């Protein structure tokens, strides 16, 4: 007789577990529960990290905005000063042009210029000083005598004009 070796019984084929063939919705649910558990464990740490990152981003954004505002302000102030200088230059040119044309028109009409009037005033002052030097200090008339002489001079032309009218 042949002796038969006994072989251990074969294990029944592995039964698929419920987890391996779980529907996708159930897997998503379990993933969400796992994320929630981790969030609870690390929630306060995560919030602190997010707050510090948010503050850092806010400071960086404000600093950049402040810098851009300052640059824009500088550009505008330079543009304004350049515009003011060019406008002043144009107004000055227009003013000089106007003054030159008015002076030419007055010259054509025979009107003396400011310089001419000043020169005449200086010449009159010079002639008066020469006249006083020639007359001498003893022959100067009193103010009352000057008034009488002036009245006599104005009376003569008035009488002459009356004679011509008659």
Protein backbone atom coordinates (compact mmCIF):
# COMPACT_ATOMS: atom_id res chain seq x y z
CA UNK A 1 0.00 0.00 0.00
CA UNK A 2 1.08 3.05 -0.79
CA UNK A 3 1.35 5.38 1.88
CA UNK A 4 -0.13 8.66 1.14
CA UNK A 5 1.37 11.67 2.42
CA UNK A 6 -1.02 13.93 3.84
CA UNK A 7 -0.84 17.39 2.55
CA UNK A 8 -2.09 20.13 4.58
CA UNK A 9 -5.39 21.27 3.40
CA UNK A 10 -5.27 24.18 1.10
CA UNK A 11 -6.42 27.43 2.52
CA UNK A 12 -9.59 28.52 1.02
CA UNK A 13 -9.08 31.25 -1.56
CA UNK A 14 -8.80 34.68 0.06
CA UNK A 15 -12.10 36.31 0.35
CA UNK A 16 -12.02 39.82 -0.99
CA UNK A 17 -12.42 42.30 1.83
CA UNK A 18 -15.11 44.90 1.89
CA UNK A 19 -12.53 47.65 1.84
CA UNK A 20 -10.91 46.53 -1.42
CA UNK A 21 -14.14 46.62 -3.37
CA UNK A 22 -15.72 49.59 -1.60
CA UNK A 23 -17.54 51.98 -3.91
CA UNK A 24 -15.67 55.20 -4.80
CA UNK A 25 -18.10 57.36 -2.80
CA UNK A 26 -17.27 55.42 0.31
CA UNK A 27 -13.53 55.90 -0.34
CA UNK A 28 -14.04 59.62 -0.72
CA UNK A 29 -15.98 59.67 2.54
CA UNK A 30 -13.16 57.87 4.33
CA UNK A 31 -10.58 60.24 2.81
CA UNK A 32 -12.59 63.21 4.06
CA UNK A 33 -12.76 61.71 7.56
CA UNK A 34 -8.99 61.18 7.50
CA UNK A 35 -8.41 64.78 6.40
CA UNK A 36 -10.69 65.98 9.17
CA UNK A 37 -8.81 63.96 11.75
CA UNK A 38 -5.48 65.39 10.57
CA UNK A 39 -6.92 68.91 10.53
CA UNK A 40 -8.05 68.47 14.11
CA UNK A 41 -4.63 67.27 15.11
CA UNK A 42 -2.74 69.95 13.22
CA UNK A 43 -5.50 72.55 13.00
CA UNK A 44 -4.10 75.12 15.41
CA UNK A 45 -0.63 74.76 13.88
CA UNK A 46 -2.02 75.15 10.37
CA UNK A 47 -4.03 78.23 11.33
CA UNK A 48 -0.97 79.81 12.94
CA UNK A 49 1.09 79.11 9.81
CA UNK A 50 -1.63 80.55 7.59
CA UNK A 51 -1.90 83.67 9.78
CA UNK A 52 1.85 84.28 9.71
CA UNK A 53 1.95 83.73 5.93
CA UNK A 54 -1.01 86.10 5.51
CA UNK A 55 0.62 88.81 7.63
CA UNK A 56 3.88 88.48 5.74
CA UNK A 57 2.06 88.74 2.42
CA UNK A 58 0.09 91.77 3.61
CA UNK A 59 3.24 93.58 4.76
CA UNK A 60 5.00 92.79 1.51
CA UNK A 61 2.01 94.01 -0.53
CA UNK A 62 1.72 97.24 1.47
CA UNK A 63 5.44 97.93 1.14
CA UNK A 64 5.29 97.40 -2.61
CA UNK A 65 2.19 99.58 -2.93
CA UNK A 66 3.86 102.32 -0.87
CA UNK A 67 6.96 102.17 -3.04
CA UNK A 68 4.95 102.40 -6.27
CA UNK A 69 2.94 105.29 -4.85
CA UNK A 70 6.13 107.13 -3.97
CA UNK A 71 7.57 106.53 -7.45
CA UNK A 72 4.36 107.78 -9.07
CA UNK A 73 4.37 110.86 -6.83
CA UNK A 74 7.96 111.63 -7.80
CA UNK A 75 7.19 111.22 -11.51
CA UNK A 76 4.16 113.49 -11.26
CA UNK A 77 6.07 116.16 -9.35
CA UNK A 78 8.81 116.12 -12.00
CA UNK A 79 6.21 116.36 -14.76
CA UNK A 80 4.47 119.24 -12.98
CA UNK A 81 7.72 121.16 -12.48
CA UNK A 82 8.73 120.58 -16.11
CA UNK A 83 5.31 121.74 -17.28
CA UNK A 84 5.49 124.81 -15.04
CA UNK A 85 8.92 125.72 -16.36
CA UNK A 86 7.89 125.34 -19.98
CA UNK A 87 4.71 127.35 -19.37
CA UNK A 88 6.69 130.10 -17.65
CA UNK A 89 9.13 130.20 -20.53
CA UNK A 90 6.30 130.50 -23.05
CA UNK A 91 4.60 133.26 -21.05
CA UNK A 92 7.90 135.16 -20.83
CA UNK A 93 8.39 134.87 -24.59
CA UNK A 94 4.86 136.08 -25.22
CA UNK A 95 5.33 138.98 -22.80
CA UNK A 96 8.56 140.09 -24.49
CA UNK A 97 6.96 139.81 -27.91
CA UNK A 98 4.02 141.94 -26.76
CA UNK A 99 6.31 144.55 -25.18
CA UNK A 100 8.43 144.78 -28.34
CA UNK A 101 5.41 145.25 -30.59
CA UNK A 102 3.89 147.92 -28.32
CA UNK A 103 7.23 149.75 -28.17
CA UNK A 104 7.51 149.69 -31.97
CA UNK A 105 3.96 150.99 -32.38
CA UNK A 106 4.56 153.80 -29.89
CA UNK A 107 7.82 154.69 -31.66
CA UNK A 108 5.98 154.91 -35.01
CA UNK A 109 3.49 157.28 -33.40
CA UNK A 110 6.33 159.46 -32.16
CA UNK A 111 5.87 158.65 -28.49
CA UNK A 112 9.09 158.75 -26.47
CA UNK A 113 10.19 155.61 -24.71
CA UNK A 114 10.91 155.30 -21.01
CA UNK A 115 14.61 155.55 -21.72
CA UNK A 116 14.07 158.74 -23.75
CA UNK A 117 12.10 160.32 -20.91
CA UNK A 118 14.77 159.38 -18.38
CA UNK A 119 17.49 160.84 -20.57
CA UNK A 120 15.49 164.06 -20.96
CA UNK A 121 14.99 164.29 -17.20
CA UNK A 122 18.72 163.92 -16.66
CA UNK A 123 19.42 166.54 -19.34
CA UNK A 124 16.95 168.98 -17.75
CA UNK A 125 18.58 168.47 -14.35
CA UNK A 126 21.99 169.09 -15.92
CA UNK A 127 20.82 172.26 -17.67
CA UNK A 128 19.21 173.58 -14.48
CA UNK A 129 22.45 173.10 -12.58
CA UNK A 130 24.36 174.89 -15.36
CA UNK A 131 21.82 177.72 -15.35
CA UNK A 132 22.10 178.15 -11.62
CA UNK A 133 25.87 178.18 -11.90
CA UNK A 134 25.71 180.92 -14.56
CA UNK A 135 23.18 183.07 -12.70
CA UNK A 136 25.14 183.00 -9.51
CA UNK A 137 23.81 182.83 -5.99
CA UNK A 138 22.93 186.60 -5.72
CA UNK A 139 20.65 186.92 -8.72
CA UNK A 140 18.23 184.16 -7.82
CA UNK A 141 14.67 185.51 -7.68
CA UNK A 142 12.36 184.89 -4.77
CA UNK A 143 9.46 182.45 -5.22
CA UNK A 144 6.96 185.36 -5.26
CA UNK A 145 8.84 187.07 -8.08
CA UNK A 146 8.84 183.83 -10.08
CA UNK A 147 5.05 183.54 -9.76
CA UNK A 148 4.57 187.11 -10.95
CA UNK A 149 6.82 186.55 -13.94
CA UNK A 150 4.97 183.35 -14.82
CA UNK A 151 1.60 185.19 -14.68
CA UNK A 152 2.93 187.93 -16.93
CA UNK A 153 4.12 185.39 -19.49
CA UNK A 154 0.74 183.64 -19.60
CA UNK A 155 -1.17 186.94 -19.78
CA UNK A 156 0.67 188.11 -22.90
CA UNK A 157 -0.31 185.15 -25.14
CA UNK A 158 -3.91 185.33 -23.91
CA UNK A 159 -4.14 189.04 -24.83
CA UNK A 160 -2.63 188.36 -28.23
CA UNK A 161 -5.17 185.68 -29.00
CA UNK A 162 -8.02 188.07 -28.04
CA UNK A 163 -6.74 190.69 -30.44
CA UNK A 164 -6.66 188.17 -33.30
CA UNK A 165 -10.25 187.13 -32.59
CA UNK A 166 -11.53 190.67 -32.67
